[in-house]
Amino acid sequence: MAAEPSRISVQTLASGQEVARVLLPIGTQNAVQVEAEQVEQDTHGNTHARGKVRVTIRAGSGAVTTIVGEEIIAKRKVLDARELAAIRALDAMGAQGKRDAARDRKELARLKTIVASHGWPGVRFAGPELSQNAFTVLMRAPEKDLESLLPALREAHAGNDVPGAQLAQAEDRLRVAKGLPQRYGTQFASGKPVVIEDESALDIRRKMMGLPPMPAASGQ
């Protein structure tokens, strides 16, 4: 019987708090080896290791990932049918091929279904690449759909599940579409930034969203 598709995540902790997480692509052949001074495994197959931890992950493709730290938790989650369908849909959104209005509508409809069932597909659910696919679809969406999906993106950002740069771009795009000044300077027209709200605090807002300072040459 074929192994069930699963997702492996490896969390590195400091003082009991997560400081980093690696999310591996979905696969059935990932093998995880944990070496540490203290290793505990629960009934769900999750491994909690402490003291000079070394985690080695060997994928079916032959790729090897090594993670080291003083406290690490390795988890394997078997995907249910709905989760697997969502992941496959997100993966298809990044496929090469003809890009037209019909494809955009179809992908937007899929994204809405995913968000309704699972929330915004951030890096914890989909990994960075597939989460970026979802964001790309969002930024192609009509104004009303962008506005309806933004709360889910904001919630994911509040949970450190999407980059601040993504939320900044989406917020700015919606404001510009509504005829309002943008807040983070991410939207341009004719090579220049669209009108920006309270420019004196622009770089502070950009820093809070993980964006670099606005280049001086880009000023209005």
N, C-alpha and C. Protein backbone atom coordinates (compact mmCIF):
# COMPACT_ATOMS: atom_id res chain seq x y z
N MET A 1 0.86 -1.19 0.00
CA MET A 1 0.00 0.00 0.00
C MET A 1 0.89 1.24 0.00
N ALA A 2 0.55 2.23 -0.83
CA ALA A 2 1.36 3.43 -0.91
C ALA A 2 1.25 4.23 0.38
N ALA A 3 2.37 4.86 0.76
CA ALA A 3 2.36 5.70 1.96
C ALA A 3 1.47 6.91 1.73
N GLU A 4 0.88 7.39 2.82
CA GLU A 4 -0.01 8.54 2.71
C GLU A 4 0.80 9.82 2.56
N PRO A 5 0.40 10.73 1.67
CA PRO A 5 1.12 12.00 1.53
C PRO A 5 1.16 12.74 2.86
N SER A 6 2.32 13.27 3.21
CA SER A 6 2.46 13.93 4.49
C SER A 6 3.32 15.18 4.37
N ARG A 7 3.25 16.01 5.38
CA ARG A 7 4.04 17.23 5.46
C ARG A 7 4.95 17.14 6.68
N ILE A 8 6.23 17.39 6.48
CA ILE A 8 7.17 17.40 7.59
C ILE A 8 7.56 18.84 7.90
N SER A 9 7.46 19.20 9.18
CA SER A 9 7.94 20.51 9.61
C SER A 9 8.95 20.30 10.73
N VAL A 10 9.97 21.15 10.76
CA VAL A 10 10.99 21.08 11.79
C VAL A 10 11.08 22.45 12.45
N GLN A 11 10.76 22.51 13.74
CA GLN A 11 10.78 23.76 14.49
C GLN A 11 12.03 23.84 15.36
N THR A 12 12.73 24.96 15.29
CA THR A 12 13.85 25.23 16.19
C THR A 12 13.36 26.18 17.27
N LEU A 13 13.61 25.83 18.53
CA LEU A 13 13.11 26.63 19.65
C LEU A 13 14.24 27.22 20.48
N ALA A 14 13.94 28.33 21.14
CA ALA A 14 14.84 28.95 22.11
C ALA A 14 13.98 29.35 23.30
N SER A 15 14.34 28.86 24.48
CA SER A 15 13.56 29.12 25.69
C SER A 15 12.10 28.73 25.51
N GLY A 16 11.86 27.66 24.76
CA GLY A 16 10.52 27.15 24.56
C GLY A 16 9.71 27.85 23.49
N GLN A 17 10.27 28.91 22.87
CA GLN A 17 9.56 29.66 21.84
C GLN A 17 10.16 29.37 20.46
N GLU A 18 9.27 29.23 19.46
CA GLU A 18 9.74 28.96 18.10
C GLU A 18 10.50 30.16 17.54
N VAL A 19 11.69 29.91 17.01
CA VAL A 19 12.48 30.97 16.38
C VAL A 19 12.69 30.71 14.89
N ALA A 20 12.44 29.49 14.46
CA ALA A 20 12.57 29.16 13.03
C ALA A 20 11.79 27.89 12.75
N ARG A 21 11.33 27.79 11.49
CA ARG A 21 10.60 26.59 11.08
C ARG A 21 10.93 26.28 9.64
N VAL A 22 11.20 25.02 9.37
CA VAL A 22 11.44 24.56 8.01
C VAL A 22 10.27 23.66 7.63
N LEU A 23 9.64 23.96 6.49
CA LEU A 23 8.49 23.18 6.02
C LEU A 23 8.91 22.50 4.73
N LEU A 24 8.94 21.18 4.73
CA LEU A 24 9.38 20.45 3.55
C LEU A 24 8.25 20.25 2.56
N PRO A 25 8.59 20.17 1.27
CA PRO A 25 7.56 19.86 0.27
C PRO A 25 6.86 18.55 0.61
N ILE A 26 5.61 18.47 0.25
CA ILE A 26 4.85 17.26 0.54
C ILE A 26 5.47 16.06 -0.18
N GLY A 27 5.56 14.97 0.53
CA GLY A 27 6.12 13.77 -0.08
C GLY A 27 5.85 12.55 0.78
N THR A 28 6.06 11.40 0.23
CA THR A 28 5.84 10.16 0.99
C THR A 28 7.15 9.46 1.31
N GLN A 29 8.27 9.98 0.74
CA GLN A 29 9.54 9.28 0.89
C GLN A 29 10.51 9.99 1.83
N ASN A 30 10.07 11.09 2.48
CA ASN A 30 10.97 11.81 3.36
C ASN A 30 11.31 10.96 4.59
N ALA A 31 12.61 10.77 4.83
CA ALA A 31 13.07 10.02 6.00
C ALA A 31 13.76 10.99 6.95
N VAL A 32 13.37 10.95 8.23
CA VAL A 32 13.91 11.88 9.22
C VAL A 32 14.72 11.12 10.26
N GLN A 33 15.96 11.57 10.48
CA GLN A 33 16.82 10.98 11.50
C GLN A 33 17.18 12.06 12.51
N VAL A 34 16.94 11.78 13.80
CA VAL A 34 17.20 12.76 14.85
C VAL A 34 18.27 12.22 15.80
N GLU A 35 19.31 13.03 16.03
CA GLU A 35 20.36 12.69 16.99
C GLU A 35 20.42 13.81 18.02
N ALA A 36 20.40 13.46 19.31
CA ALA A 36 20.42 14.46 20.36
C ALA A 36 20.74 13.79 21.69
N GLU A 37 20.99 14.62 22.71
CA GLU A 37 21.25 14.10 24.04
C GLU A 37 19.97 13.51 24.65
N GLN A 38 18.81 14.12 24.29
CA GLN A 38 17.53 13.64 24.81
C GLN A 38 16.50 13.66 23.68
N VAL A 39 15.87 12.52 23.42
CA VAL A 39 14.89 12.42 22.34
C VAL A 39 13.62 11.78 22.88
N GLU A 40 12.47 12.44 22.64
CA GLU A 40 11.17 11.90 23.03
C GLU A 40 10.28 11.83 21.80
N GLN A 41 9.50 10.78 21.68
CA GLN A 41 8.58 10.63 20.56
C GLN A 41 7.19 10.31 21.08
N ASP A 42 6.18 11.05 20.58
CA ASP A 42 4.82 10.80 21.04
C ASP A 42 4.12 9.80 20.12
N THR A 43 2.86 9.51 20.44
CA THR A 43 2.12 8.50 19.69
C THR A 43 1.74 8.96 18.28
N HIS A 44 1.88 10.26 18.01
CA HIS A 44 1.55 10.79 16.69
C HIS A 44 2.77 10.82 15.76
N GLY A 45 3.92 10.34 16.27
CA GLY A 45 5.11 10.32 15.44
C GLY A 45 5.91 11.61 15.50
N ASN A 46 5.55 12.54 16.39
CA ASN A 46 6.30 13.77 16.54
C ASN A 46 7.51 13.53 17.45
N THR A 47 8.62 14.14 17.12
CA THR A 47 9.85 13.94 17.87
C THR A 47 10.31 15.25 18.49
N HIS A 48 10.56 15.24 19.80
CA HIS A 48 11.04 16.40 20.55
C HIS A 48 12.44 16.08 21.04
N ALA A 49 13.42 16.83 20.55
CA ALA A 49 14.81 16.55 20.90
C ALA A 49 15.45 17.77 21.57
N ARG A 50 16.31 17.48 22.56
CA ARG A 50 17.00 18.56 23.28
C ARG A 50 18.47 18.22 23.44
N GLY A 51 19.31 19.26 23.37
CA GLY A 51 20.73 19.09 23.61
C GLY A 51 21.51 18.60 22.41
N LYS A 52 22.25 19.52 21.79
CA LYS A 52 23.10 19.19 20.63
C LYS A 52 22.32 18.38 19.58
N VAL A 53 21.20 18.96 19.14
CA VAL A 53 20.31 18.25 18.22
C VAL A 53 20.82 18.38 16.78
N ARG A 54 20.73 17.27 16.07
CA ARG A 54 21.05 17.25 14.65
C ARG A 54 19.95 16.45 13.95
N VAL A 55 19.23 17.12 13.07
CA VAL A 55 18.14 16.49 12.33
C VAL A 55 18.56 16.37 10.87
N THR A 56 18.52 15.17 10.35
CA THR A 56 18.87 14.93 8.96
C THR A 56 17.64 14.42 8.23
N ILE A 57 17.27 15.11 7.15
CA ILE A 57 16.08 14.75 6.38
C ILE A 57 16.51 14.36 4.98
N ARG A 58 16.19 13.14 4.58
CA ARG A 58 16.53 12.64 3.25
C ARG A 58 15.25 12.47 2.44
N ALA A 59 15.15 13.24 1.36
CA ALA A 59 13.97 13.19 0.50
C ALA A 59 14.12 12.08 -0.53
N GLY A 60 12.99 11.67 -1.09
CA GLY A 60 13.02 10.61 -2.10
C GLY A 60 13.85 10.99 -3.31
N SER A 61 13.99 12.31 -3.57
CA SER A 61 14.77 12.78 -4.71
C SER A 61 16.27 12.65 -4.48
N GLY A 62 16.65 12.36 -3.22
CA GLY A 62 18.06 12.26 -2.90
C GLY A 62 18.59 13.49 -2.17
N ALA A 63 17.80 14.56 -2.12
CA ALA A 63 18.22 15.77 -1.43
C ALA A 63 18.31 15.53 0.07
N VAL A 64 19.32 16.14 0.70
CA VAL A 64 19.52 15.98 2.14
C VAL A 64 19.50 17.35 2.80
N THR A 65 18.69 17.49 3.85
CA THR A 65 18.62 18.73 4.63
C THR A 65 19.06 18.43 6.05
N THR A 66 19.97 19.26 6.59
CA THR A 66 20.46 19.08 7.95
C THR A 66 20.15 20.33 8.77
N ILE A 67 19.57 20.13 9.94
CA ILE A 67 19.22 21.23 10.83
C ILE A 67 19.81 20.94 12.21
N VAL A 68 20.46 21.95 12.80
CA VAL A 68 21.06 21.76 14.12
C VAL A 68 20.53 22.81 15.09
N GLY A 69 20.54 22.49 16.38
CA GLY A 69 20.07 23.41 17.41
C GLY A 69 20.07 22.73 18.76
N GLU A 70 19.69 23.49 19.78
CA GLU A 70 19.66 22.94 21.13
C GLU A 70 18.31 22.31 21.48
N GLU A 71 17.25 22.77 20.79
CA GLU A 71 15.92 22.20 21.01
C GLU A 71 15.14 22.23 19.70
N ILE A 72 14.72 21.08 19.24
CA ILE A 72 14.04 20.97 17.94
C ILE A 72 12.87 20.00 18.05
N ILE A 73 11.77 20.37 17.37
CA ILE A 73 10.62 19.48 17.28
C ILE A 73 10.38 19.15 15.81
N ALA A 74 10.38 17.88 15.48
CA ALA A 74 10.10 17.43 14.12
C ALA A 74 8.71 16.79 14.10
N LYS A 75 7.85 17.28 13.19
CA LYS A 75 6.49 16.78 13.11
C LYS A 75 6.19 16.27 11.70
N ARG A 76 5.44 15.18 11.64
CA ARG A 76 4.94 14.67 10.37
C ARG A 76 3.42 14.65 10.43
N LYS A 77 2.79 15.34 9.50
CA LYS A 77 1.33 15.40 9.47
C LYS A 77 0.83 14.77 8.18
N VAL A 78 0.05 13.73 8.31
CA VAL A 78 -0.57 13.10 7.15
C VAL A 78 -1.72 13.98 6.69
N LEU A 79 -1.74 14.30 5.41
CA LEU A 79 -2.76 15.19 4.87
C LEU A 79 -4.06 14.45 4.62
N ASP A 80 -5.17 15.12 4.95
CA ASP A 80 -6.44 14.52 4.59
C ASP A 80 -6.77 14.92 3.15
N ALA A 81 -7.86 14.40 2.63
CA ALA A 81 -8.19 14.59 1.21
C ALA A 81 -8.38 16.07 0.86
N ARG A 82 -9.02 16.84 1.75
CA ARG A 82 -9.26 18.25 1.47
C ARG A 82 -7.95 19.04 1.46
N GLU A 83 -7.08 18.74 2.41
CA GLU A 83 -5.79 19.43 2.45
C GLU A 83 -4.96 19.12 1.21
N LEU A 84 -4.96 17.85 0.82
CA LEU A 84 -4.20 17.44 -0.35
C LEU A 84 -4.74 18.12 -1.61
N ALA A 85 -6.06 18.21 -1.73
CA ALA A 85 -6.67 18.88 -2.89
C ALA A 85 -6.28 20.36 -2.92
N ALA A 86 -6.23 21.00 -1.74
CA ALA A 86 -5.85 22.41 -1.66
C ALA A 86 -4.41 22.60 -2.09
N ILE A 87 -3.53 21.74 -1.62
CA ILE A 87 -2.11 21.84 -1.97
C ILE A 87 -1.92 21.65 -3.47
N ARG A 88 -2.62 20.67 -4.04
CA ARG A 88 -2.50 20.44 -5.48
C ARG A 88 -3.02 21.63 -6.28
N ALA A 89 -4.10 22.26 -5.80
CA ALA A 89 -4.64 23.44 -6.48
C ALA A 89 -3.65 24.59 -6.42
N LEU A 90 -3.03 24.80 -5.26
CA LEU A 90 -2.04 25.87 -5.11
C LEU A 90 -0.82 25.62 -6.00
N ASP A 91 -0.43 24.37 -6.09
CA ASP A 91 0.69 24.02 -6.95
C ASP A 91 0.38 24.32 -8.41
N ALA A 92 -0.85 24.01 -8.83
CA ALA A 92 -1.26 24.25 -10.22
C ALA A 92 -1.29 25.74 -10.55
N MET A 93 -1.51 26.58 -9.54
CA MET A 93 -1.54 28.02 -9.78
C MET A 93 -0.19 28.56 -10.25
N GLY A 94 0.87 27.85 -9.95
CA GLY A 94 2.19 28.30 -10.37
C GLY A 94 2.66 27.67 -11.67
N ALA A 95 1.79 26.88 -12.30
CA ALA A 95 2.18 26.19 -13.53
C ALA A 95 2.39 27.17 -14.68
N GLN A 96 3.34 26.82 -15.54
CA GLN A 96 3.58 27.62 -16.74
C GLN A 96 2.42 27.40 -17.72
N GLY A 97 2.29 28.32 -18.65
CA GLY A 97 1.25 28.16 -19.66
C GLY A 97 0.54 29.46 -19.93
N LYS A 98 -0.47 29.38 -20.77
CA LYS A 98 -1.21 30.56 -21.18
C LYS A 98 -1.88 31.23 -19.98
N ARG A 99 -1.72 32.54 -19.89
CA ARG A 99 -2.34 33.30 -18.83
C ARG A 99 -3.41 34.19 -19.44
N ASP A 100 -4.66 33.97 -19.05
CA ASP A 100 -5.75 34.79 -19.59
C ASP A 100 -6.81 34.99 -18.50
N ALA A 101 -7.84 35.76 -18.83
CA ALA A 101 -8.88 36.09 -17.85
C ALA A 101 -9.60 34.85 -17.33
N ALA A 102 -9.81 33.86 -18.20
CA ALA A 102 -10.51 32.64 -17.79
C ALA A 102 -9.70 31.88 -16.74
N ARG A 103 -8.39 31.78 -16.97
CA ARG A 103 -7.53 31.09 -16.00
C ARG A 103 -7.50 31.86 -14.69
N ASP A 104 -7.42 33.19 -14.77
CA ASP A 104 -7.41 34.00 -13.55
C ASP A 104 -8.68 33.78 -12.73
N ARG A 105 -9.83 33.74 -13.40
CA ARG A 105 -11.09 33.53 -12.69
C ARG A 105 -11.14 32.15 -12.04
N LYS A 106 -10.67 31.16 -12.76
CA LYS A 106 -10.68 29.79 -12.24
C LYS A 106 -9.79 29.67 -11.01
N GLU A 107 -8.58 30.26 -11.08
CA GLU A 107 -7.66 30.18 -9.95
C GLU A 107 -8.17 30.98 -8.76
N LEU A 108 -8.80 32.11 -9.03
CA LEU A 108 -9.37 32.91 -7.94
C LEU A 108 -10.48 32.13 -7.23
N ALA A 109 -11.31 31.45 -7.99
CA ALA A 109 -12.38 30.64 -7.39
C ALA A 109 -11.79 29.54 -6.51
N ARG A 110 -10.71 28.91 -6.97
CA ARG A 110 -10.05 27.87 -6.17
C ARG A 110 -9.48 28.47 -4.89
N LEU A 111 -8.86 29.65 -5.02
CA LEU A 111 -8.28 30.29 -3.84
C LEU A 111 -9.36 30.62 -2.82
N LYS A 112 -10.50 31.11 -3.25
CA LYS A 112 -11.60 31.42 -2.33
C LYS A 112 -12.05 30.17 -1.58
N THR A 113 -12.12 29.05 -2.28
CA THR A 113 -12.53 27.80 -1.65
C THR A 113 -11.51 27.37 -0.60
N ILE A 114 -10.24 27.52 -0.93
CA ILE A 114 -9.17 27.15 0.02
C ILE A 114 -9.24 28.02 1.26
N VAL A 115 -9.39 29.33 1.07
CA VAL A 115 -9.44 30.25 2.20
C VAL A 115 -10.66 29.96 3.08
N ALA A 116 -11.79 29.65 2.45
CA ALA A 116 -13.00 29.34 3.22
C ALA A 116 -12.83 28.10 4.08
N SER A 117 -12.06 27.15 3.60
CA SER A 117 -11.88 25.87 4.31
C SER A 117 -10.70 25.88 5.28
N HIS A 118 -9.61 26.58 4.91
CA HIS A 118 -8.37 26.46 5.67
C HIS A 118 -7.80 27.79 6.16
N GLY A 119 -8.46 28.90 5.82
CA GLY A 119 -7.84 30.19 6.10
C GLY A 119 -6.83 30.51 5.02
N TRP A 120 -6.15 31.65 5.17
CA TRP A 120 -5.18 32.00 4.14
C TRP A 120 -4.07 30.95 4.10
N PRO A 121 -3.69 30.43 2.91
CA PRO A 121 -2.66 29.40 2.82
C PRO A 121 -1.26 29.98 2.98
N GLY A 122 -0.87 30.20 4.23
CA GLY A 122 0.45 30.74 4.53
C GLY A 122 1.54 29.67 4.47
N VAL A 123 2.72 30.03 4.94
CA VAL A 123 3.86 29.12 4.82
C VAL A 123 3.69 27.87 5.68
N ARG A 124 2.96 27.96 6.78
CA ARG A 124 2.81 26.77 7.62
C ARG A 124 1.93 25.72 6.95
N PHE A 125 0.96 26.17 6.19
CA PHE A 125 0.06 25.23 5.52
C PHE A 125 0.61 24.80 4.16
N ALA A 126 1.12 25.76 3.39
CA ALA A 126 1.46 25.49 1.99
C ALA A 126 2.94 25.56 1.67
N GLY A 127 3.76 26.08 2.57
CA GLY A 127 5.17 26.30 2.24
C GLY A 127 5.31 27.63 1.51
N PRO A 128 6.53 28.19 1.49
CA PRO A 128 6.72 29.53 0.91
C PRO A 128 6.38 29.64 -0.57
N GLU A 129 6.70 28.62 -1.36
CA GLU A 129 6.47 28.70 -2.80
C GLU A 129 4.99 28.67 -3.14
N LEU A 130 4.25 27.75 -2.56
CA LEU A 130 2.82 27.66 -2.86
C LEU A 130 2.04 28.81 -2.23
N SER A 131 2.52 29.30 -1.08
CA SER A 131 1.89 30.48 -0.48
C SER A 131 2.08 31.70 -1.39
N GLN A 132 3.23 31.78 -2.02
CA GLN A 132 3.47 32.87 -2.97
C GLN A 132 2.54 32.74 -4.17
N ASN A 133 2.25 31.52 -4.61
CA ASN A 133 1.29 31.32 -5.71
C ASN A 133 -0.07 31.92 -5.34
N ALA A 134 -0.49 31.67 -4.10
CA ALA A 134 -1.78 32.20 -3.65
C ALA A 134 -1.77 33.73 -3.67
N PHE A 135 -0.67 34.31 -3.23
CA PHE A 135 -0.57 35.77 -3.21
C PHE A 135 -0.59 36.34 -4.62
N THR A 136 0.07 35.67 -5.55
CA THR A 136 0.07 36.13 -6.95
C THR A 136 -1.35 36.15 -7.50
N VAL A 137 -2.12 35.12 -7.20
CA VAL A 137 -3.53 35.08 -7.65
C VAL A 137 -4.31 36.23 -7.01
N LEU A 138 -4.06 36.47 -5.73
CA LEU A 138 -4.75 37.56 -5.04
C LEU A 138 -4.48 38.91 -5.71
N MET A 139 -3.24 39.15 -6.09
CA MET A 139 -2.87 40.44 -6.67
C MET A 139 -3.41 40.62 -8.08
N ARG A 140 -3.89 39.55 -8.70
CA ARG A 140 -4.54 39.65 -10.02
C ARG A 140 -6.05 39.83 -9.88
N ALA A 141 -6.56 39.68 -8.67
CA ALA A 141 -8.01 39.65 -8.45
C ALA A 141 -8.63 41.04 -8.61
N PRO A 142 -9.89 41.10 -9.01
CA PRO A 142 -10.62 42.37 -9.05
C PRO A 142 -10.69 42.97 -7.65
N GLU A 143 -10.95 44.27 -7.60
CA GLU A 143 -10.95 45.01 -6.34
C GLU A 143 -11.86 44.38 -5.28
N LYS A 144 -13.08 44.01 -5.66
CA LYS A 144 -14.02 43.49 -4.67
C LYS A 144 -13.54 42.17 -4.07
N ASP A 145 -12.89 41.34 -4.89
CA ASP A 145 -12.38 40.07 -4.39
C ASP A 145 -11.14 40.27 -3.54
N LEU A 146 -10.28 41.20 -3.94
CA LEU A 146 -9.12 41.54 -3.13
C LEU A 146 -9.57 41.99 -1.75
N GLU A 147 -10.58 42.86 -1.72
CA GLU A 147 -11.06 43.38 -0.44
C GLU A 147 -11.66 42.26 0.42
N SER A 148 -12.36 41.33 -0.20
CA SER A 148 -12.99 40.26 0.58
C SER A 148 -11.98 39.27 1.14
N LEU A 149 -10.83 39.12 0.47
CA LEU A 149 -9.82 38.16 0.91
C LEU A 149 -8.77 38.77 1.83
N LEU A 150 -8.70 40.10 1.85
CA LEU A 150 -7.68 40.77 2.66
C LEU A 150 -7.74 40.42 4.15
N PRO A 151 -8.91 40.31 4.76
CA PRO A 151 -8.93 39.95 6.19
C PRO A 151 -8.20 38.64 6.49
N ALA A 152 -8.31 37.67 5.60
CA ALA A 152 -7.62 36.39 5.81
C ALA A 152 -6.11 36.58 5.72
N LEU A 153 -5.66 37.42 4.77
CA LEU A 153 -4.23 37.70 4.64
C LEU A 153 -3.72 38.45 5.87
N ARG A 154 -4.52 39.42 6.35
CA ARG A 154 -4.13 40.16 7.56
C ARG A 154 -3.98 39.23 8.76
N GLU A 155 -4.93 38.29 8.89
CA GLU A 155 -4.88 37.35 10.01
C GLU A 155 -3.63 36.47 9.92
N ALA A 156 -3.30 36.03 8.70
CA ALA A 156 -2.10 35.21 8.52
C ALA A 156 -0.85 36.01 8.85
N HIS A 157 -0.83 37.28 8.47
CA HIS A 157 0.33 38.12 8.79
C HIS A 157 0.45 38.32 10.30
N ALA A 158 -0.67 38.52 10.98
CA ALA A 158 -0.65 38.69 12.43
C ALA A 158 -0.08 37.44 13.12
N GLY A 159 -0.25 36.29 12.49
CA GLY A 159 0.28 35.04 13.02
C GLY A 159 1.65 34.70 12.47
N ASN A 160 2.33 35.68 11.86
CA ASN A 160 3.66 35.48 11.28
C ASN A 160 3.69 34.35 10.26
N ASP A 161 2.60 34.25 9.49
CA ASP A 161 2.49 33.15 8.53
C ASP A 161 2.66 33.62 7.08
N VAL A 162 2.71 34.93 6.86
CA VAL A 162 3.03 35.47 5.53
C VAL A 162 3.95 36.67 5.73
N PRO A 163 4.80 36.98 4.75
CA PRO A 163 5.70 38.14 4.87
C PRO A 163 4.92 39.45 4.91
N GLY A 164 5.43 40.40 5.67
CA GLY A 164 4.80 41.70 5.72
C GLY A 164 4.75 42.39 4.38
N ALA A 165 5.74 42.10 3.53
CA ALA A 165 5.77 42.72 2.19
C ALA A 165 4.53 42.36 1.39
N GLN A 166 4.04 41.14 1.56
CA GLN A 166 2.84 40.73 0.83
C GLN A 166 1.63 41.54 1.29
N LEU A 167 1.46 41.66 2.59
CA LEU A 167 0.32 42.42 3.09
C LEU A 167 0.43 43.89 2.67
N ALA A 168 1.63 44.45 2.71
CA ALA A 168 1.82 45.85 2.31
C ALA A 168 1.41 46.06 0.86
N GLN A 169 1.80 45.16 -0.02
CA GLN A 169 1.44 45.29 -1.43
C GLN A 169 -0.06 45.19 -1.64
N ALA A 170 -0.68 44.24 -0.95
CA ALA A 170 -2.12 44.05 -1.11
C ALA A 170 -2.90 45.25 -0.56
N GLU A 171 -2.48 45.75 0.60
CA GLU A 171 -3.14 46.92 1.19
C GLU A 171 -3.00 48.12 0.25
N ASP A 172 -1.80 48.34 -0.26
CA ASP A 172 -1.58 49.48 -1.15
C ASP A 172 -2.39 49.36 -2.43
N ARG A 173 -2.43 48.15 -2.99
CA ARG A 173 -3.17 47.97 -4.24
C ARG A 173 -4.65 48.28 -4.05
N LEU A 174 -5.21 47.84 -2.92
CA LEU A 174 -6.63 48.11 -2.67
C LEU A 174 -6.87 49.60 -2.47
N ARG A 175 -5.99 50.26 -1.73
CA ARG A 175 -6.16 51.70 -1.50
C ARG A 175 -6.10 52.48 -2.82
N VAL A 176 -5.14 52.13 -3.65
CA VAL A 176 -5.01 52.81 -4.94
C VAL A 176 -6.25 52.57 -5.79
N ALA A 177 -6.76 51.33 -5.77
CA ALA A 177 -7.97 51.01 -6.54
C ALA A 177 -9.16 51.84 -6.07
N LYS A 178 -9.16 52.18 -4.77
CA LYS A 178 -10.25 52.96 -4.21
C LYS A 178 -10.02 54.47 -4.35
N GLY A 179 -8.88 54.85 -4.96
CA GLY A 179 -8.58 56.26 -5.12
C GLY A 179 -7.98 56.91 -3.88
N LEU A 180 -7.45 56.09 -2.97
CA LEU A 180 -6.84 56.59 -1.74
C LEU A 180 -5.32 56.57 -1.84
N PRO A 181 -4.62 57.39 -1.06
CA PRO A 181 -3.16 57.34 -1.07
C PRO A 181 -2.68 55.99 -0.53
N GLN A 182 -1.62 55.45 -1.12
CA GLN A 182 -1.06 54.21 -0.60
C GLN A 182 -0.25 54.50 0.67
N ARG A 183 0.03 53.44 1.45
CA ARG A 183 0.71 53.63 2.74
C ARG A 183 2.15 53.16 2.73
N TYR A 184 2.51 52.25 1.82
CA TYR A 184 3.84 51.64 1.89
C TYR A 184 4.71 51.91 0.65
N GLY A 185 4.17 52.60 -0.33
CA GLY A 185 4.96 52.94 -1.51
C GLY A 185 5.29 51.77 -2.41
N THR A 186 4.37 50.79 -2.51
CA THR A 186 4.63 49.60 -3.34
C THR A 186 4.02 49.70 -4.73
N GLN A 187 3.15 50.68 -4.95
CA GLN A 187 2.44 50.77 -6.22
C GLN A 187 2.98 51.94 -7.05
N PHE A 188 3.28 51.64 -8.32
CA PHE A 188 3.88 52.62 -9.21
C PHE A 188 3.02 52.83 -10.46
N ALA A 189 3.16 54.01 -11.03
CA ALA A 189 2.51 54.34 -12.31
C ALA A 189 3.48 55.21 -13.09
N SER A 190 3.75 54.83 -14.32
CA SER A 190 4.71 55.55 -15.18
C SER A 190 6.07 55.68 -14.51
N GLY A 191 6.47 54.63 -13.79
CA GLY A 191 7.79 54.62 -13.17
C GLY A 191 7.91 55.38 -11.87
N LYS A 192 6.81 55.98 -11.39
CA LYS A 192 6.84 56.74 -10.15
C LYS A 192 5.80 56.19 -9.18
N PRO A 193 6.08 56.29 -7.86
CA PRO A 193 5.10 55.79 -6.89
C PRO A 193 3.81 56.60 -6.93
N VAL A 194 2.70 55.90 -6.82
CA VAL A 194 1.41 56.56 -6.69
C VAL A 194 1.42 57.35 -5.37
N VAL A 195 0.57 58.38 -5.27
CA VAL A 195 0.53 59.25 -4.10
C VAL A 195 0.59 58.45 -2.79
N ILE A 196 1.45 58.90 -1.88
CA ILE A 196 1.70 58.19 -0.62
C ILE A 196 1.18 59.01 0.56
N GLU A 197 0.51 58.34 1.48
CA GLU A 197 -0.01 58.97 2.68
C GLU A 197 1.12 59.25 3.67
N ASP A 198 1.16 60.45 4.24
CA ASP A 198 2.11 60.80 5.31
C ASP A 198 3.51 60.30 4.98
N GLU A 199 4.11 60.90 3.96
CA GLU A 199 5.43 60.44 3.49
C GLU A 199 6.51 60.54 4.56
N SER A 200 6.36 61.44 5.52
CA SER A 200 7.39 61.60 6.56
C SER A 200 7.57 60.33 7.39
N ALA A 201 6.52 59.51 7.49
CA ALA A 201 6.60 58.27 8.28
C ALA A 201 6.66 57.04 7.38
N LEU A 202 6.87 57.25 6.09
CA LEU A 202 6.85 56.13 5.14
C LEU A 202 7.86 55.05 5.49
N ASP A 203 9.11 55.43 5.72
CA ASP A 203 10.15 54.43 5.97
C ASP A 203 9.92 53.67 7.27
N ILE A 204 9.27 54.32 8.24
CA ILE A 204 8.93 53.63 9.49
C ILE A 204 7.89 52.54 9.20
N ARG A 205 6.88 52.90 8.42
CA ARG A 205 5.85 51.91 8.08
C ARG A 205 6.45 50.77 7.25
N ARG A 206 7.33 51.13 6.31
CA ARG A 206 7.96 50.10 5.47
C ARG A 206 8.80 49.14 6.33
N LYS A 207 9.54 49.69 7.27
CA LYS A 207 10.37 48.85 8.14
C LYS A 207 9.52 47.88 8.94
N MET A 208 8.37 48.35 9.41
CA MET A 208 7.48 47.49 10.18
C MET A 208 6.96 46.31 9.36
N MET A 209 6.92 46.48 8.03
CA MET A 209 6.43 45.41 7.15
C MET A 209 7.58 44.63 6.50
N GLY A 210 8.79 44.88 6.96
CA GLY A 210 9.93 44.15 6.43
C GLY A 210 10.41 44.65 5.08
N LEU A 211 10.04 45.87 4.72
CA LEU A 211 10.45 46.46 3.44
C LEU A 211 11.64 47.38 3.66
N PRO A 212 12.53 47.51 2.68
CA PRO A 212 13.67 48.43 2.81
C PRO A 212 13.21 49.88 2.69
N PRO A 213 14.05 50.83 3.06
CA PRO A 213 13.69 52.24 2.89
C PRO A 213 13.37 52.56 1.44
N MET A 214 12.51 53.51 1.22
CA MET A 214 12.15 53.93 -0.14
C MET A 214 13.35 54.61 -0.78
N PRO A 215 13.78 54.16 -1.96
CA PRO A 215 14.90 54.82 -2.64
C PRO A 215 14.60 56.30 -2.87
N ALA A 216 15.59 57.14 -2.64
CA ALA A 216 15.39 58.58 -2.80
C ALA A 216 14.98 58.93 -4.20
N ALA A 217 15.51 58.18 -5.18
CA ALA A 217 15.21 58.46 -6.59
C ALA A 217 13.76 58.18 -6.94
N SER A 218 13.06 57.44 -6.06
CA SER A 218 11.68 57.06 -6.35
C SER A 218 10.68 58.08 -5.81
N GLY A 219 11.15 59.12 -5.19
CA GLY A 219 10.23 60.09 -4.63
C GLY A 219 9.38 60.74 -5.69
N GLN A 220 8.28 61.31 -5.24
CA GLN A 220 7.33 61.89 -6.19
C GLN A 220 7.80 63.26 -6.60
